[in-house]
Amino acid sequence: MPTFAVQYTYDARHDLQAAIRPEHRDYLRSLAVDGSLLGSGPYTDGVPGALLVFRAHDRATLDELLSGDPFARAGLIAATTVRTWDVVLGPWSEQL
């Protein structure tokens, strides 16, 4: 199953982000529990945003997961970059 590295760039509405963040994190937590989300977290420097790593059947499935994110539904994500990632080594690799 493909692994996707997703980069979010957030817009400047920090108050709205703070208000929706608990729902956003609950949503991502549910994806982690079901195995779709391998890891996520905000960048701590530079342009505000986050890195999320997903495992999904295909890009269409990933797009459905991303569109369900409360941050996306609220329009808080200014840009999304998606790249298919070949995880060769480490705990997310299918070959340990």
Protein backbone atom coordinates (compact mmCIF):
# COMPACT_ATOMS: atom_id res chain seq x y z
CA MET A 1 0.00 0.00 0.00
CA PRO A 2 1.47 3.41 -0.92
CA THR A 3 2.81 5.81 1.68
CA PHE A 4 2.22 9.54 1.17
CA ALA A 5 4.10 12.48 2.68
CA VAL A 6 1.71 15.41 2.96
CA GLN A 7 2.81 18.94 3.74
CA TYR A 8 0.25 21.46 4.94
CA THR A 9 0.90 25.19 4.83
CA TYR A 10 -1.48 27.04 7.15
CA ASP A 11 -3.10 30.39 6.54
CA ALA A 12 -2.75 33.28 9.00
CA ARG A 13 -6.00 32.81 10.98
CA HIS A 14 -4.33 31.66 14.20
CA ASP A 15 -7.41 32.26 16.38
CA LEU A 16 -9.57 30.05 14.17
CA GLN A 17 -6.83 27.40 14.07
CA ALA A 18 -6.73 27.39 17.88
CA ALA A 19 -10.51 27.02 18.06
CA ILE A 20 -10.62 24.09 15.60
CA ARG A 21 -7.36 22.40 16.65
CA PRO A 22 -8.99 19.98 19.16
CA GLU A 23 -11.39 18.69 16.47
CA HIS A 24 -8.52 18.54 13.93
CA ARG A 25 -6.39 16.48 16.33
CA ASP A 26 -9.28 14.18 17.24
CA TYR A 27 -9.84 13.52 13.54
CA LEU A 28 -6.15 12.78 12.95
CA ARG A 29 -6.05 10.59 16.07
CA SER A 30 -8.91 8.49 14.64
CA LEU A 31 -6.93 8.05 11.41
CA ALA A 32 -3.88 6.97 13.42
CA VAL A 33 -5.96 4.42 15.32
CA ASP A 34 -7.27 2.91 12.08
CA GLY A 35 -3.74 2.78 10.64
CA SER A 36 -4.18 5.37 7.88
CA LEU A 37 -2.04 8.04 9.57
CA LEU A 38 1.46 6.95 10.54
CA GLY A 39 2.55 10.27 12.05
CA SER A 40 1.86 13.98 12.03
CA GLY A 41 2.86 17.20 13.70
CA PRO A 42 3.41 20.89 13.16
CA TYR A 43 6.66 22.41 12.03
CA THR A 44 8.38 24.30 14.83
CA ASP A 45 10.16 26.83 12.66
CA GLY A 46 9.74 28.58 9.33
CA VAL A 47 6.43 28.91 7.53
CA PRO A 48 3.51 27.65 9.67
CA GLY A 49 2.44 24.19 8.59
CA ALA A 50 2.70 20.49 9.31
CA LEU A 51 4.00 17.20 7.96
CA LEU A 52 1.65 14.20 7.88
CA VAL A 53 2.53 10.69 6.72
CA PHE A 54 -0.31 8.47 5.49
CA ARG A 55 -0.70 4.97 4.19
CA ALA A 56 -3.66 4.72 1.81
CA HIS A 57 -4.81 2.43 -1.00
CA ASP A 58 -4.43 5.18 -3.59
CA ARG A 59 -4.41 8.95 -4.11
CA ALA A 60 -8.21 9.13 -4.30
CA THR A 61 -8.49 7.52 -0.85
CA LEU A 62 -5.89 9.91 0.52
CA ASP A 63 -7.77 12.89 -0.94
CA GLU A 64 -10.93 11.73 0.87
CA LEU A 65 -9.02 11.54 4.15
CA LEU A 66 -7.54 15.00 3.65
CA SER A 67 -10.87 16.56 2.74
CA GLY A 68 -12.36 15.26 6.00
CA ASP A 69 -9.81 17.15 8.11
CA PRO A 70 -11.57 19.90 10.10
CA PHE A 71 -8.74 22.30 9.19
CA ALA A 72 -9.44 21.62 5.50
CA ARG A 73 -13.20 21.99 5.94
CA ALA A 74 -12.63 25.36 7.66
CA GLY A 75 -10.33 26.54 4.86
CA LEU A 76 -7.32 26.87 7.16
CA ILE A 77 -4.92 25.07 4.85
CA ALA A 78 -3.46 27.53 2.34
CA ALA A 79 -1.56 24.85 0.40
CA THR A 80 -1.18 21.08 0.40
CA THR A 81 1.73 19.22 -1.17
CA VAL A 82 1.43 15.46 -1.59
CA ARG A 83 4.27 13.17 -2.59
CA THR A 84 4.34 9.41 -2.78
CA TRP A 85 7.13 8.20 -0.52
CA ASP A 86 9.00 4.90 -0.80
CA VAL A 87 9.76 4.00 2.82
CA VAL A 88 12.79 1.72 2.58
CA LEU A 89 13.96 1.49 6.21
CA GLY A 90 12.51 2.05 9.65
CA PRO A 91 9.38 1.17 11.55
CA TRP A 92 7.08 2.41 8.75
CA SER A 93 8.82 0.19 6.21
CA GLU A 94 7.10 -2.96 5.11
CA GLN A 95 10.53 -4.66 5.04
CA LEU A 96 12.08 -4.71 8.48
